[in-house]
Amino acid sequence: MDEQVVREHAQAFCDALVSGDVDRAIEDMSKELRQNLGEVLALLPLPAVEAAVDSVEHGGAGYNLVLRLVGETDEVLIETRWKERDGRPTIVEASHLSGTARAVEDDAAEGDGEAAAG
């Protein structure tokens, strides 16, 4: 298991979340994480509108990847720990690093402001 393979699996995980295919995303999780699926999914801003691998760091017998997930109203950084399980990279840990609220764009309000200024 090398960095490129782990990065590819992590990006596929991100792509699955953005496409709404949570079942596909769950396939990358360890049996232990799947047993606590509610807690894991609670970390994620679903539905996700954007997701990307932010960083990859080799550590010990696995890799630590930070995933940036953007939902409709918030953006979070999730640290994931990947190890080889059954011959493929698998998420064995996930934790919330940070989150920020996103401003919901209101086109009507912006339009009113421009009309008042003009």
Protein backbone atom coordinates (compact mmCIF):
# COMPACT_ATOMS: atom_id res chain seq x y z
CA MET A 1 0.00 0.00 0.00
CA ASP A 2 1.62 3.23 -1.11
CA GLU A 3 0.64 6.88 -0.89
CA GLN A 4 -0.76 7.08 -4.41
CA VAL A 5 -3.09 4.10 -3.87
CA VAL A 6 -4.32 5.51 -0.56
CA ARG A 7 -4.87 8.94 -2.13
CA GLU A 8 -6.88 7.34 -4.97
CA HIS A 9 -9.09 5.43 -2.51
CA ALA A 10 -9.59 8.58 -0.44
CA GLN A 11 -10.58 10.57 -3.52
CA ALA A 12 -13.02 7.82 -4.54
CA PHE A 13 -14.48 8.03 -1.01
CA CYS A 14 -14.86 11.82 -1.43
CA ASP A 15 -16.41 11.41 -4.88
CA ALA A 16 -18.91 8.90 -3.51
CA LEU A 17 -19.99 11.36 -0.80
CA VAL A 18 -20.47 14.16 -3.32
CA SER A 19 -22.48 11.92 -5.65
CA GLY A 20 -24.67 10.89 -2.70
CA ASP A 21 -23.53 7.26 -2.85
CA VAL A 22 -23.07 6.73 0.89
CA ASP A 23 -23.21 2.94 0.43
CA ARG A 24 -20.15 3.17 -1.83
CA ALA A 25 -18.36 5.40 0.70
CA ILE A 26 -19.06 2.94 3.51
CA GLU A 27 -17.19 0.24 1.59
CA ASP A 28 -13.93 2.06 2.44
CA MET A 29 -14.61 1.88 6.19
CA SER A 30 -13.39 -0.83 8.53
CA LYS A 31 -15.80 -3.29 10.08
CA GLU A 32 -15.41 -1.46 13.40
CA LEU A 33 -16.37 1.91 11.89
CA ARG A 34 -19.36 0.35 10.12
CA GLN A 35 -20.56 -0.97 13.48
CA ASN A 36 -20.65 2.66 14.71
CA LEU A 37 -21.86 4.10 11.42
CA GLY A 38 -24.18 6.70 12.94
CA GLU A 39 -21.30 8.32 14.83
CA VAL A 40 -19.10 8.34 11.74
CA LEU A 41 -21.77 9.76 9.44
CA ALA A 42 -22.53 12.46 12.02
CA LEU A 43 -19.01 13.84 11.36
CA LEU A 44 -19.79 14.39 7.68
CA PRO A 45 -21.69 17.33 6.21
CA LEU A 46 -24.27 15.44 4.18
CA PRO A 47 -25.25 16.06 1.51
CA ALA A 48 -21.72 17.02 0.47
CA VAL A 49 -21.37 19.45 -2.41
CA GLU A 50 -17.58 19.27 -2.57
CA ALA A 51 -14.93 16.97 -1.12
CA ALA A 52 -11.19 16.67 -1.55
CA VAL A 53 -8.06 15.15 -0.06
CA ASP A 54 -6.37 18.03 1.75
CA SER A 55 -3.20 16.27 2.93
CA VAL A 56 -1.53 12.86 3.12
CA GLU A 57 1.05 11.88 5.73
CA HIS A 58 2.66 8.49 6.24
CA GLY A 59 2.75 7.44 9.85
CA GLY A 60 3.56 4.04 11.35
CA ALA A 61 1.74 1.21 9.60
CA GLY A 62 -0.70 3.50 7.81
CA TYR A 63 -1.48 6.92 6.42
CA ASN A 64 -3.19 9.94 7.94
CA LEU A 65 -5.29 11.88 5.45
CA VAL A 66 -7.17 15.09 6.05
CA LEU A 67 -10.33 15.32 3.96
CA ARG A 68 -12.04 18.65 3.33
CA LEU A 69 -15.79 18.18 3.02
CA VAL A 70 -18.14 21.00 2.08
CA GLY A 71 -21.85 20.73 2.76
CA GLU A 72 -24.63 23.16 1.95
CA THR A 73 -24.16 25.08 5.19
CA ASP A 74 -20.75 24.08 6.58
CA GLU A 75 -17.24 22.99 5.74
CA VAL A 76 -15.32 20.48 7.86
CA LEU A 77 -11.90 18.90 8.00
CA ILE A 78 -11.95 15.23 8.89
CA GLU A 79 -8.76 13.40 9.80
CA THR A 80 -8.85 9.81 8.64
CA ARG A 81 -6.43 6.99 9.41
CA TRP A 82 -6.02 4.44 6.60
CA LYS A 83 -4.50 0.97 6.95
CA GLU A 84 -4.38 -2.03 4.68
CA ARG A 85 -7.22 -4.44 5.41
CA ASP A 86 -8.06 -7.40 3.19
CA GLY A 87 -5.55 -6.16 0.62
CA ARG A 88 -6.95 -2.65 0.19
CA PRO A 89 -6.71 0.74 1.91
CA THR A 90 -9.40 1.07 4.56
CA ILE A 91 -10.45 3.88 6.91
CA VAL A 92 -9.85 2.63 10.45
CA GLU A 93 -10.30 5.94 12.29
CA ALA A 94 -12.06 9.22 11.60
CA SER A 95 -12.15 12.35 13.71
CA HIS A 96 -13.39 15.91 13.34
CA LEU A 97 -10.55 18.45 13.07
CA SER A 98 -12.49 21.66 12.46
CA GLY A 99 -15.61 23.09 10.97
CA THR A 100 -16.85 26.44 9.78
CA ALA A 101 -20.30 27.66 8.91
CA ARG A 102 -20.82 28.72 5.32
CA ALA A 103 -22.91 31.73 4.42
CA VAL A 104 -25.92 30.70 2.39
CA GLU A 105 -26.01 32.89 -0.68
CA ASP A 106 -29.28 34.71 -1.16
CA ASP A 107 -29.43 36.15 -4.67
CA ALA A 108 -32.62 38.09 -3.92
CA ALA A 109 -31.01 39.92 -0.99
CA GLU A 110 -27.97 40.81 -3.09
CA GLY A 111 -30.21 42.13 -5.84
CA ASP A 112 -32.14 44.31 -3.38
CA GLY A 113 -28.90 45.80 -2.07
CA GLU A 114 -27.75 46.75 -5.56
CA ALA A 115 -31.10 48.33 -6.39
CA ALA A 116 -31.03 50.43 -3.23
CA ALA A 117 -27.47 51.59 -3.93
CA GLY A 118 -28.18 52.49 -7.55
